[in-house]
Amino acid sequence: MSDVLLRLAEVLEARKAADPESSYVAKLYAKGLDAILKKVGEEATETVMAAKDGVPDKLVHEVADLWFHTLVLLAQQGLGPAEVLAELDRRFGLSGLTEKAQRDG
């Protein structure tokens, strides 16, 4: 797993015990699942808009925001990047059609 993802996962886990007034992530956790899902949706939309704008730096910035908020969601659900990376590794080498057929089967 990327060192950045590991370090970020550790920080996100630690923020679960932080005072919501001291941390943006702790505040998101305190607001609950719906607030986190809203942020993921907002960031996904901003990512799409940045891609349409065709400005690479803007797209990278928005994808970073999307990944960050998705990692917050995973942590809130008791998961982390390791599970997602394991799933991507499981799919590696499978054609997209084969992988989808296995899920739909």
PDB file of N, CA and C in Angstrom:
ATOM      1  N   MET A   1       0.855  -1.179   0.000  1.00  0.00           N
ATOM      2  CA  MET A   1       0.000   0.000   0.000  1.00  0.00           C
ATOM      3  C   MET A   1       0.893   1.231   0.000  1.00  0.00           C
ATOM      4  N   SER A   2       0.443   2.250  -0.688  1.00  0.00           N
ATOM      5  CA  SER A   2       1.188   3.499  -0.744  1.00  0.00           C
ATOM      6  C   SER A   2       1.398   4.047   0.662  1.00  0.00           C
ATOM      7  N   ASP A   3       2.594   4.550   0.907  1.00  0.00           N
ATOM      8  CA  ASP A   3       2.897   5.148   2.201  1.00  0.00           C
ATOM      9  C   ASP A   3       1.947   6.306   2.502  1.00  0.00           C
ATOM     10  N   VAL A   4       1.591   7.078   1.486  1.00  0.00           N
ATOM     11  CA  VAL A   4       0.671   8.200   1.687  1.00  0.00           C
ATOM     12  C   VAL A   4      -0.697   7.683   2.132  1.00  0.00           C
ATOM     13  N   LEU A   5      -1.188   6.653   1.479  1.00  0.00           N
ATOM     14  CA  LEU A   5      -2.487   6.096   1.873  1.00  0.00           C
ATOM     15  C   LEU A   5      -2.452   5.533   3.291  1.00  0.00           C
ATOM     16  N   LEU A   6      -1.376   4.850   3.636  1.00  0.00           N
ATOM     17  CA  LEU A   6      -1.234   4.294   4.979  1.00  0.00           C
ATOM     18  C   LEU A   6      -1.221   5.408   6.026  1.00  0.00           C
ATOM     19  N   ARG A   7      -0.425   6.440   5.789  1.00  0.00           N
ATOM     20  CA  ARG A   7      -0.358   7.555   6.743  1.00  0.00           C
ATOM     21  C   ARG A   7      -1.702   8.259   6.851  1.00  0.00           C
ATOM     22  N   LEU A   8      -2.363   8.462   5.736  1.00  0.00           N
ATOM     23  CA  LEU A   8      -3.663   9.119   5.759  1.00  0.00           C
ATOM     24  C   LEU A   8      -4.692   8.267   6.493  1.00  0.00           C
ATOM     25  N   ALA A   9      -4.694   6.959   6.256  1.00  0.00           N
ATOM     26  CA  ALA A   9      -5.620   6.067   6.952  1.00  0.00           C
ATOM     27  C   ALA A   9      -5.415   6.138   8.462  1.00  0.00           C
ATOM     28  N   GLU A  10      -4.160   6.220   8.891  1.00  0.00           N
ATOM     29  CA  GLU A  10      -3.865   6.324  10.326  1.00  0.00           C
ATOM     30  C   GLU A  10      -4.400   7.629  10.903  1.00  0.00           C
ATOM     31  N   VAL A  11      -4.216   8.718  10.186  1.00  0.00           N
ATOM     32  CA  VAL A  11      -4.723  10.010  10.653  1.00  0.00           C
ATOM     33  C   VAL A  11      -6.246   9.992  10.712  1.00  0.00           C
ATOM     34  N   LEU A  12      -6.890   9.458   9.688  1.00  0.00           N
ATOM     35  CA  LEU A  12      -8.349   9.412   9.671  1.00  0.00           C
ATOM     36  C   LEU A  12      -8.885   8.573  10.821  1.00  0.00           C
ATOM     37  N   GLU A  13      -8.208   7.496  11.130  1.00  0.00           N
ATOM     38  CA  GLU A  13      -8.613   6.655  12.265  1.00  0.00           C
ATOM     39  C   GLU A  13      -8.466   7.437  13.572  1.00  0.00           C
ATOM     40  N   ALA A  14      -7.362   8.145  13.730  1.00  0.00           N
ATOM     41  CA  ALA A  14      -7.128   8.928  14.949  1.00  0.00           C
ATOM     42  C   ALA A  14      -8.160  10.038  15.103  1.00  0.00           C
ATOM     43  N   ARG A  15      -8.624  10.594  14.017  1.00  0.00           N
ATOM     44  CA  ARG A  15      -9.599  11.685  14.077  1.00  0.00           C
ATOM     45  C   ARG A  15     -10.956  11.235  14.624  1.00  0.00           C
ATOM     46  N   LYS A  16     -11.205   9.938  14.642  1.00  0.00           N
ATOM     47  CA  LYS A  16     -12.468   9.444  15.209  1.00  0.00           C
ATOM     48  C   LYS A  16     -12.598   9.828  16.678  1.00  0.00           C
ATOM     49  N   ALA A  17     -11.470   9.957  17.366  1.00  0.00           N
ATOM     50  CA  ALA A  17     -11.486  10.294  18.786  1.00  0.00           C
ATOM     51  C   ALA A  17     -11.240  11.784  19.031  1.00  0.00           C
ATOM     52  N   ALA A  18     -11.068  12.559  17.975  1.00  0.00           N
ATOM     53  CA  ALA A  18     -10.743  13.981  18.134  1.00  0.00           C
ATOM     54  C   ALA A  18     -12.003  14.801  18.402  1.00  0.00           C
ATOM     55  N   ASP A  19     -11.793  15.944  18.991  1.00  0.00           N
ATOM     56  CA  ASP A  19     -12.866  16.911  19.227  1.00  0.00           C
ATOM     57  C   ASP A  19     -13.320  17.480  17.889  1.00  0.00           C
ATOM     58  N   PRO A  20     -14.620  17.433  17.598  1.00  0.00           N
ATOM     59  CA  PRO A  20     -15.115  17.966  16.322  1.00  0.00           C
ATOM     60  C   PRO A  20     -14.770  19.433  16.094  1.00  0.00           C
ATOM     61  N   GLU A  21     -14.512  20.161  17.145  1.00  0.00           N
ATOM     62  CA  GLU A  21     -14.141  21.567  16.991  1.00  0.00           C
ATOM     63  C   GLU A  21     -12.675  21.734  16.603  1.00  0.00           C
ATOM     64  N   SER A  22     -11.902  20.644  16.691  1.00  0.00           N
ATOM     65  CA  SER A  22     -10.470  20.742  16.422  1.00  0.00           C
ATOM     66  C   SER A  22     -10.067  20.155  15.077  1.00  0.00           C
ATOM     67  N   SER A  23     -11.007  19.510  14.382  1.00  0.00           N
ATOM     68  CA  SER A  23     -10.636  18.782  13.179  1.00  0.00           C
ATOM     69  C   SER A  23     -11.798  18.729  12.199  1.00  0.00           C
ATOM     70  N   TYR A  24     -11.511  19.045  10.944  1.00  0.00           N
ATOM     71  CA  TYR A  24     -12.513  18.951   9.886  1.00  0.00           C
ATOM     72  C   TYR A  24     -13.061  17.525   9.783  1.00  0.00           C
ATOM     73  N   VAL A  25     -12.169  16.540   9.810  1.00  0.00           N
ATOM     74  CA  VAL A  25     -12.591  15.140   9.685  1.00  0.00           C
ATOM     75  C   VAL A  25     -13.411  14.724  10.900  1.00  0.00           C
ATOM     76  N   ALA A  26     -12.986  15.113  12.092  1.00  0.00           N
ATOM     77  CA  ALA A  26     -13.762  14.785  13.302  1.00  0.00           C
ATOM     78  C   ALA A  26     -15.150  15.396  13.215  1.00  0.00           C
ATOM     79  N   LYS A  27     -15.234  16.594  12.658  1.00  0.00           N
ATOM     80  CA  LYS A  27     -16.538  17.248  12.490  1.00  0.00           C
ATOM     81  C   LYS A  27     -17.407  16.456  11.506  1.00  0.00           C
ATOM     82  N   LEU A  28     -16.807  15.971  10.425  1.00  0.00           N
ATOM     83  CA  LEU A  28     -17.562  15.135   9.480  1.00  0.00           C
ATOM     84  C   LEU A  28     -18.060  13.863  10.150  1.00  0.00           C
ATOM     85  N   TYR A  29     -17.178  13.205  10.911  1.00  0.00           N
ATOM     86  CA  TYR A  29     -17.596  11.995  11.629  1.00  0.00           C
ATOM     87  C   TYR A  29     -18.754  12.304  12.570  1.00  0.00           C
ATOM     88  N   ALA A  30     -18.680  13.428  13.276  1.00  0.00           N
ATOM     89  CA  ALA A  30     -19.726  13.787  14.234  1.00  0.00           C
ATOM     90  C   ALA A  30     -21.058  14.049  13.541  1.00  0.00           C
ATOM     91  N   LYS A  31     -21.004  14.569  12.322  1.00  0.00           N
ATOM     92  CA  LYS A  31     -22.240  14.840  11.575  1.00  0.00           C
ATOM     93  C   LYS A  31     -22.880  13.555  11.056  1.00  0.00           C
ATOM     94  N   GLY A  32     -22.079  12.501  10.908  1.00  0.00           N
ATOM     95  CA  GLY A  32     -22.623  11.205  10.527  1.00  0.00           C
ATOM     96  C   GLY A  32     -22.516  10.868   9.053  1.00  0.00           C
ATOM     97  N   LEU A  33     -23.028   9.704   8.749  1.00  0.00           N
ATOM     98  CA  LEU A  33     -22.910   9.120   7.413  1.00  0.00           C
ATOM     99  C   LEU A  33     -23.475  10.021   6.323  1.00  0.00           C
ATOM    100  N   ASP A  34     -24.646  10.595   6.539  1.00  0.00           N
ATOM    101  CA  ASP A  34     -25.250  11.408   5.481  1.00  0.00           C
ATOM    102  C   ASP A  34     -24.371  12.589   5.090  1.00  0.00           C
ATOM    103  N   ALA A  35     -23.733  13.228   6.065  1.00  0.00           N
ATOM    104  CA  ALA A  35     -22.847  14.359   5.762  1.00  0.00           C
ATOM    105  C   ALA A  35     -21.627  13.894   4.969  1.00  0.00           C
ATOM    106  N   ILE A  36     -21.098  12.737   5.323  1.00  0.00           N
ATOM    107  CA  ILE A  36     -19.944  12.199   4.600  1.00  0.00           C
ATOM    108  C   ILE A  36     -20.341  11.839   3.171  1.00  0.00           C
ATOM    109  N   LEU A  37     -21.484  11.199   3.020  1.00  0.00           N
ATOM    110  CA  LEU A  37     -21.958  10.834   1.683  1.00  0.00           C
ATOM    111  C   LEU A  37     -22.196  12.076   0.826  1.00  0.00           C
ATOM    112  N   LYS A  38     -22.724  13.129   1.428  1.00  0.00           N
ATOM    113  CA  LYS A  38     -22.944  14.375   0.699  1.00  0.00           C
ATOM    114  C   LYS A  38     -21.616  14.929   0.186  1.00  0.00           C
ATOM    115  N   LYS A  39     -20.572  14.898   1.019  1.00  0.00           N
ATOM    116  CA  LYS A  39     -19.259  15.386   0.591  1.00  0.00           C
ATOM    117  C   LYS A  39     -18.693  14.529  -0.536  1.00  0.00           C
ATOM    118  N   VAL A  40     -18.840  13.214  -0.449  1.00  0.00           N
ATOM    119  CA  VAL A  40     -18.354  12.336  -1.521  1.00  0.00           C
ATOM    120  C   VAL A  40     -19.076  12.681  -2.825  1.00  0.00           C
ATOM    121  N   GLY A  41     -20.387  12.870  -2.749  1.00  0.00           N
ATOM    122  CA  GLY A  41     -21.152  13.239  -3.940  1.00  0.00           C
ATOM    123  C   GLY A  41     -20.728  14.568  -4.518  1.00  0.00           C
ATOM    124  N   GLU A  42     -20.515  15.560  -3.645  1.00  0.00           N
ATOM    125  CA  GLU A  42     -20.066  16.879  -4.105  1.00  0.00           C
ATOM    126  C   GLU A  42     -18.706  16.777  -4.796  1.00  0.00           C
ATOM    127  N   GLU A  43     -17.804  16.025  -4.183  1.00  0.00           N
ATOM    128  CA  GLU A  43     -16.465  15.905  -4.750  1.00  0.00           C
ATOM    129  C   GLU A  43     -16.487  15.126  -6.062  1.00  0.00           C
ATOM    130  N   ALA A  44     -17.363  14.137  -6.167  1.00  0.00           N
ATOM    131  CA  ALA A  44     -17.488  13.396  -7.427  1.00  0.00           C
ATOM    132  C   ALA A  44     -17.975  14.326  -8.539  1.00  0.00           C
ATOM    133  N   THR A  45     -18.947  15.156  -8.217  1.00  0.00           N
ATOM    134  CA  THR A  45     -19.465  16.109  -9.203  1.00  0.00           C
ATOM    135  C   THR A  45     -18.390  17.107  -9.613  1.00  0.00           C
ATOM    136  N   GLU A  46     -17.630  17.607  -8.631  1.00  0.00           N
ATOM    137  CA  GLU A  46     -16.558  18.553  -8.943  1.00  0.00           C
ATOM    138  C   GLU A  46     -15.465  17.896  -9.789  1.00  0.00           C
ATOM    139  N   THR A  47     -15.239  16.609  -9.578  1.00  0.00           N
ATOM    140  CA  THR A  47     -14.265  15.878 -10.386  1.00  0.00           C
ATOM    141  C   THR A  47     -14.737  15.792 -11.835  1.00  0.00           C
ATOM    142  N   VAL A  48     -15.989  15.481 -12.027  1.00  0.00           N
ATOM    143  CA  VAL A  48     -16.553  15.406 -13.379  1.00  0.00           C
ATOM    144  C   VAL A  48     -16.439  16.764 -14.071  1.00  0.00           C
ATOM    145  N   MET A  49     -16.779  17.817 -13.336  1.00  0.00           N
ATOM    146  CA  MET A  49     -16.720  19.161 -13.923  1.00  0.00           C
ATOM    147  C   MET A  49     -15.280  19.548 -14.278  1.00  0.00           C
ATOM    148  N   ALA A  50     -14.336  19.188 -13.422  1.00  0.00           N
ATOM    149  CA  ALA A  50     -12.931  19.491 -13.703  1.00  0.00           C
ATOM    150  C   ALA A  50     -12.448  18.739 -14.937  1.00  0.00           C
ATOM    151  N   ALA A  51     -12.879  17.496 -15.085  1.00  0.00           N
ATOM    152  CA  ALA A  51     -12.497  16.721 -16.276  1.00  0.00           C
ATOM    153  C   ALA A  51     -13.049  17.375 -17.538  1.00  0.00           C
ATOM    154  N   LYS A  52     -14.280  17.853 -17.458  1.00  0.00           N
ATOM    155  CA  LYS A  52     -14.888  18.524 -18.611  1.00  0.00           C
ATOM    156  C   LYS A  52     -14.158  19.820 -18.946  1.00  0.00           C
ATOM    157  N   ASP A  53     -13.622  20.507 -17.924  1.00  0.00           N
ATOM    158  CA  ASP A  53     -12.898  21.762 -18.147  1.00  0.00           C
ATOM    159  C   ASP A  53     -11.571  21.528 -18.862  1.00  0.00           C
ATOM    160  N   GLY A  54     -11.011  20.320 -18.736  1.00  0.00           N
ATOM    161  CA  GLY A  54      -9.780  19.988 -19.437  1.00  0.00           C
ATOM    162  C   GLY A  54      -8.520  20.630 -18.880  1.00  0.00           C
ATOM    163  N   VAL A  55      -8.548  21.001 -17.585  1.00  0.00           N
ATOM    164  CA  VAL A  55      -7.368  21.596 -16.953  1.00  0.00           C
ATOM    165  C   VAL A  55      -6.752  20.536 -16.042  1.00  0.00           C
ATOM    166  N   PRO A  56      -5.613  19.946 -16.436  1.00  0.00           N
ATOM    167  CA  PRO A  56      -5.050  18.822 -15.685  1.00  0.00           C
ATOM    168  C   PRO A  56      -4.835  19.091 -14.196  1.00  0.00           C
ATOM    169  N   ASP A  57      -4.286  20.255 -13.833  1.00  0.00           N
ATOM    170  CA  ASP A  57      -4.045  20.540 -12.414  1.00  0.00           C
ATOM    171  C   ASP A  57      -5.343  20.579 -11.614  1.00  0.00           C
ATOM    172  N   LYS A  58      -6.377  21.145 -12.214  1.00  0.00           N
ATOM    173  CA  LYS A  58      -7.686  21.211 -11.548  1.00  0.00           C
ATOM    174  C   LYS A  58      -8.248  19.804 -11.351  1.00  0.00           C
ATOM    175  N   LEU A  59      -8.102  18.961 -12.359  1.00  0.00           N
ATOM    176  CA  LEU A  59      -8.588  17.588 -12.256  1.00  0.00           C
ATOM    177  C   LEU A  59      -7.854  16.836 -11.149  1.00  0.00           C
ATOM    178  N   VAL A  60      -6.545  16.966 -11.094  1.00  0.00           N
ATOM    179  CA  VAL A  60      -5.761  16.296 -10.049  1.00  0.00           C
ATOM    180  C   VAL A  60      -6.220  16.765  -8.675  1.00  0.00           C
ATOM    181  N   HIS A  61      -6.427  18.057  -8.507  1.00  0.00           N
ATOM    182  CA  HIS A  61      -6.886  18.612  -7.232  1.00  0.00           C
ATOM    183  C   HIS A  61      -8.230  18.008  -6.827  1.00  0.00           C
ATOM    184  N   GLU A  62      -9.146  17.947  -7.770  1.00  0.00           N
ATOM    185  CA  GLU A  62     -10.491  17.432  -7.456  1.00  0.00           C
ATOM    186  C   GLU A  62     -10.474  15.927  -7.193  1.00  0.00           C
ATOM    187  N   VAL A  63      -9.659  15.186  -7.937  1.00  0.00           N
ATOM    188  CA  VAL A  63      -9.555  13.747  -7.670  1.00  0.00           C
ATOM    189  C   VAL A  63      -8.960  13.524  -6.280  1.00  0.00           C
ATOM    190  N   ALA A  64      -7.984  14.338  -5.895  1.00  0.00           N
ATOM    191  CA  ALA A  64      -7.426  14.229  -4.535  1.00  0.00           C
ATOM    192  C   ALA A  64      -8.506  14.476  -3.492  1.00  0.00           C
ATOM    193  N   ASP A  65      -9.348  15.476  -3.706  1.00  0.00           N
ATOM    194  CA  ASP A  65     -10.462  15.731  -2.779  1.00  0.00           C
ATOM    195  C   ASP A  65     -11.421  14.545  -2.732  1.00  0.00           C
ATOM    196  N   LEU A  66     -11.718  13.987  -3.897  1.00  0.00           N
ATOM    197  CA  LEU A  66     -12.624  12.839  -3.960  1.00  0.00           C
ATOM    198  C   LEU A  66     -12.030  11.636  -3.240  1.00  0.00           C
ATOM    199  N   TRP A  67     -10.777  11.340  -3.509  1.00  0.00           N
ATOM    200  CA  TRP A  67     -10.123  10.215  -2.828  1.00  0.00           C
ATOM    201  C   TRP A  67     -10.124  10.432  -1.321  1.00  0.00           C
ATOM    202  N   PHE A  68      -9.792  11.654  -0.892  1.00  0.00           N
ATOM    203  CA  PHE A  68      -9.746  11.958   0.533  1.00  0.00           C
ATOM    204  C   PHE A  68     -11.103  11.684   1.188  1.00  0.00           C
ATOM    205  N   HIS A  69     -12.150  12.223   0.605  1.00  0.00           N
ATOM    206  CA  HIS A  69     -13.470  12.051   1.220  1.00  0.00           C
ATOM    207  C   HIS A  69     -13.957  10.604   1.131  1.00  0.00           C
ATOM    208  N   THR A  70     -13.545   9.893   0.097  1.00  0.00           N
ATOM    209  CA  THR A  70     -13.865   8.464   0.012  1.00  0.00           C
ATOM    210  C   THR A  70     -13.131   7.694   1.108  1.00  0.00           C
ATOM    211  N   LEU A  71     -11.900   8.087   1.401  1.00  0.00           N
ATOM    212  CA  LEU A  71     -11.161   7.459   2.506  1.00  0.00           C
ATOM    213  C   LEU A  71     -11.814   7.762   3.852  1.00  0.00           C
ATOM    214  N   VAL A  72     -12.357   8.966   4.007  1.00  0.00           N
ATOM    215  CA  VAL A  72     -13.110   9.298   5.226  1.00  0.00           C
ATOM    216  C   VAL A  72     -14.314   8.364   5.344  1.00  0.00           C
ATOM    217  N   LEU A  73     -15.024   8.169   4.247  1.00  0.00           N
ATOM    218  CA  LEU A  73     -16.177   7.263   4.236  1.00  0.00           C
ATOM    219  C   LEU A  73     -15.766   5.845   4.619  1.00  0.00           C
ATOM    220  N   LEU A  74     -14.706   5.349   4.003  1.00  0.00           N
ATOM    221  CA  LEU A  74     -14.236   4.005   4.337  1.00  0.00           C
ATOM    222  C   LEU A  74     -13.916   3.889   5.825  1.00  0.00           C
ATOM    223  N   ALA A  75     -13.194   4.868   6.360  1.00  0.00           N
ATOM    224  CA  ALA A  75     -12.823   4.831   7.779  1.00  0.00           C
ATOM    225  C   ALA A  75     -14.060   4.867   8.660  1.00  0.00           C
ATOM    226  N   GLN A  76     -15.034   5.683   8.294  1.00  0.00           N
ATOM    227  CA  GLN A  76     -16.273   5.761   9.077  1.00  0.00           C
ATOM    228  C   GLN A  76     -16.989   4.417   9.101  1.00  0.00           C
ATOM    229  N   GLN A  77     -16.816   3.652   8.043  1.00  0.00           N
ATOM    230  CA  GLN A  77     -17.456   2.344   7.918  1.00  0.00           C
ATOM    231  C   GLN A  77     -16.580   1.203   8.450  1.00  0.00           C
ATOM    232  N   GLY A  78     -15.448   1.551   9.057  1.00  0.00           N
ATOM    233  CA  GLY A  78     -14.560   0.536   9.611  1.00  0.00           C
ATOM    234  C   GLY A  78     -13.675  -0.141   8.574  1.00  0.00           C
ATOM    235  N   LEU A  79     -13.487   0.525   7.443  1.00  0.00           N
ATOM    236  CA  LEU A  79     -12.670  -0.013   6.360  1.00  0.00           C
ATOM    237  C   LEU A  79     -11.530   0.950   6.072  1.00  0.00           C
ATOM    238  N   GLY A  80     -10.666   0.555   5.164  1.00  0.00           N
ATOM    239  CA  GLY A  80      -9.557   1.427   4.806  1.00  0.00           C
ATOM    240  C   GLY A  80      -9.074   1.144   3.408  1.00  0.00           C
ATOM    241  N   PRO A  81      -8.030   1.822   3.008  1.00  0.00           N
ATOM    242  CA  PRO A  81      -7.511   1.642   1.654  1.00  0.00           C
ATOM    243  C   PRO A  81      -7.001   0.232   1.395  1.00  0.00           C
ATOM    244  N   ALA A  82      -6.588  -0.482   2.425  1.00  0.00           N
ATOM    245  CA  ALA A  82      -6.072  -1.841   2.224  1.00  0.00           C
ATOM    246  C   ALA A  82      -7.129  -2.742   1.591  1.00  0.00           C
ATOM    247  N   GLU A  83      -8.368  -2.604   2.020  1.00  0.00           N
ATOM    248  CA  GLU A  83      -9.435  -3.444   1.462  1.00  0.00           C
ATOM    249  C   GLU A  83      -9.692  -3.107   0.000  1.00  0.00           C
ATOM    250  N   VAL A  84      -9.656  -1.832  -0.330  1.00  0.00           N
ATOM    251  CA  VAL A  84      -9.882  -1.420  -1.718  1.00  0.00           C
ATOM    252  C   VAL A  84      -8.720  -1.879  -2.595  1.00  0.00           C
ATOM    253  N   LEU A  85      -7.505  -1.708  -2.105  1.00  0.00           N
ATOM    254  CA  LEU A  85      -6.341  -2.146  -2.879  1.00  0.00           C
ATOM    255  C   LEU A  85      -6.342  -3.665  -3.066  1.00  0.00           C
ATOM    256  N   ALA A  86      -6.782  -4.401  -2.055  1.00  0.00           N
ATOM    257  CA  ALA A  86      -6.876  -5.862  -2.186  1.00  0.00           C
ATOM    258  C   ALA A  86      -7.901  -6.243  -3.254  1.00  0.00           C
ATOM    259  N   GLU A  87      -9.011  -5.515  -3.294  1.00  0.00           N
ATOM    260  CA  GLU A  87     -10.024  -5.787  -4.314  1.00  0.00           C
ATOM    261  C   GLU A  87      -9.496  -5.458  -5.710  1.00  0.00           C
ATOM    262  N   LEU A  88      -8.787  -4.343  -5.832  1.00  0.00           N
ATOM    263  CA  LEU A  88      -8.195  -4.007  -7.132  1.00  0.00           C
ATOM    264  C   LEU A  88      -7.161  -5.053  -7.543  1.00  0.00           C
ATOM    265  N   ASP A  89      -6.385  -5.526  -6.579  1.00  0.00           N
ATOM    266  CA  ASP A  89      -5.395  -6.568  -6.863  1.00  0.00           C
ATOM    267  C   ASP A  89      -6.080  -7.851  -7.311  1.00  0.00           C
ATOM    268  N   ARG A  90      -7.204  -8.189  -6.667  1.00  0.00           N
ATOM    269  CA  ARG A  90      -7.960  -9.388  -7.045  1.00  0.00           C
ATOM    270  C   ARG A  90      -8.421  -9.291  -8.494  1.00  0.00           C
ATOM    271  N   ARG A  91      -8.805  -8.101  -8.900  1.00  0.00           N
ATOM    272  CA  ARG A  91      -9.319  -7.897 -10.258  1.00  0.00           C
ATOM    273  C   ARG A  91      -8.209  -7.784 -11.301  1.00  0.00           C
ATOM    274  N   PHE A  92      -6.978  -7.543 -10.862  1.00  0.00           N
ATOM    275  CA  PHE A  92      -5.881  -7.314 -11.797  1.00  0.00           C
ATOM    276  C   PHE A  92      -5.707  -8.528 -12.708  1.00  0.00           C
ATOM    277  N   GLY A  93      -5.633  -8.270 -13.982  1.00  0.00           N
ATOM    278  CA  GLY A  93      -5.455  -9.348 -14.938  1.00  0.00           C
ATOM    279  C   GLY A  93      -6.757  -9.933 -15.451  1.00  0.00           C
ATOM    280  N   LEU A  94      -7.874  -9.584 -14.812  1.00  0.00           N
ATOM    281  CA  LEU A  94      -9.180 -10.011 -15.319  1.00  0.00           C
ATOM    282  C   LEU A  94      -9.648  -8.977 -16.332  1.00  0.00           C
ATOM    283  N   SER A  95     -10.307  -9.441 -17.356  1.00  0.00           N
ATOM    284  CA  SER A  95     -10.914  -8.454 -18.246  1.00  0.00           C
ATOM    285  C   SER A  95     -12.085  -7.826 -17.496  1.00  0.00           C
ATOM    286  N   GLY A  96     -12.413  -6.616 -17.844  1.00  0.00           N
ATOM    287  CA  GLY A  96     -13.549  -5.948 -17.215  1.00  0.00           C
ATOM    288  C   GLY A  96     -14.840  -6.715 -17.410  1.00  0.00           C
ATOM    289  N   LEU A  97     -14.997  -7.321 -18.566  1.00  0.00           N
ATOM    290  CA  LEU A  97     -16.222  -8.081 -18.841  1.00  0.00           C
ATOM    291  C   LEU A  97     -16.294  -9.330 -17.963  1.00  0.00           C
ATOM    292  N   THR A  98     -15.167 -10.013 -17.781  1.00  0.00           N
ATOM    293  CA  THR A  98     -15.141 -11.207 -16.938  1.00  0.00           C
ATOM    294  C   THR A  98     -15.424 -10.835 -15.483  1.00  0.00           C
ATOM    295  N   GLU A  99     -14.797  -9.763 -15.000  1.00  0.00           N
ATOM    296  CA  GLU A  99     -14.992  -9.339 -13.615  1.00  0.00           C
ATOM    297  C   GLU A  99     -16.448  -8.975 -13.379  1.00  0.00           C
ATOM    298  N   LYS A 100     -17.056  -8.236 -14.293  1.00  0.00           N
ATOM    299  CA  LYS A 100     -18.449  -7.840 -14.148  1.00  0.00           C
ATOM    300  C   LYS A 100     -19.360  -9.064 -14.169  1.00  0.00           C
ATOM    301  N   ALA A 101     -19.084 -10.023 -15.030  1.00  0.00           N
ATOM    302  CA  ALA A 101     -19.888 -11.242 -15.097  1.00  0.00           C
ATOM    303  C   ALA A 101     -19.813 -12.015 -13.789  1.00  0.00           C
ATOM    304  N   GLN A 102     -18.643 -12.020 -13.141  1.00  0.00           N
ATOM    305  CA  GLN A 102     -18.509 -12.699 -11.858  1.00  0.00           C
ATOM    306  C   GLN A 102     -19.344 -12.024 -10.781  1.00  0.00           C
ATOM    307  N   ARG A 103     -19.449 -10.706 -10.818  1.00  0.00           N
ATOM    308  CA  ARG A 103     -20.263  -9.975  -9.836  1.00  0.00           C
ATOM    309  C   ARG A 103     -21.747 -10.182 -10.109  1.00  0.00           C
ATOM    310  N   ASP A 104     -22.128 -10.171 -11.370  1.00  0.00           N
ATOM    311  CA  ASP A 104     -23.549 -10.253 -11.741  1.00  0.00           C
ATOM    312  C   ASP A 104     -24.089 -11.674 -11.643  1.00  0.00           C
ATOM    313  N   GLY A 105     -23.185 -12.648 -11.693  1.00  0.00           N
ATOM    314  CA  GLY A 105     -23.538 -14.049 -11.746  1.00  0.00           C
ATOM    315  C   GLY A 105     -24.376 -14.502 -10.657  1.00  0.00           C
TER     316      GLY A 105
END
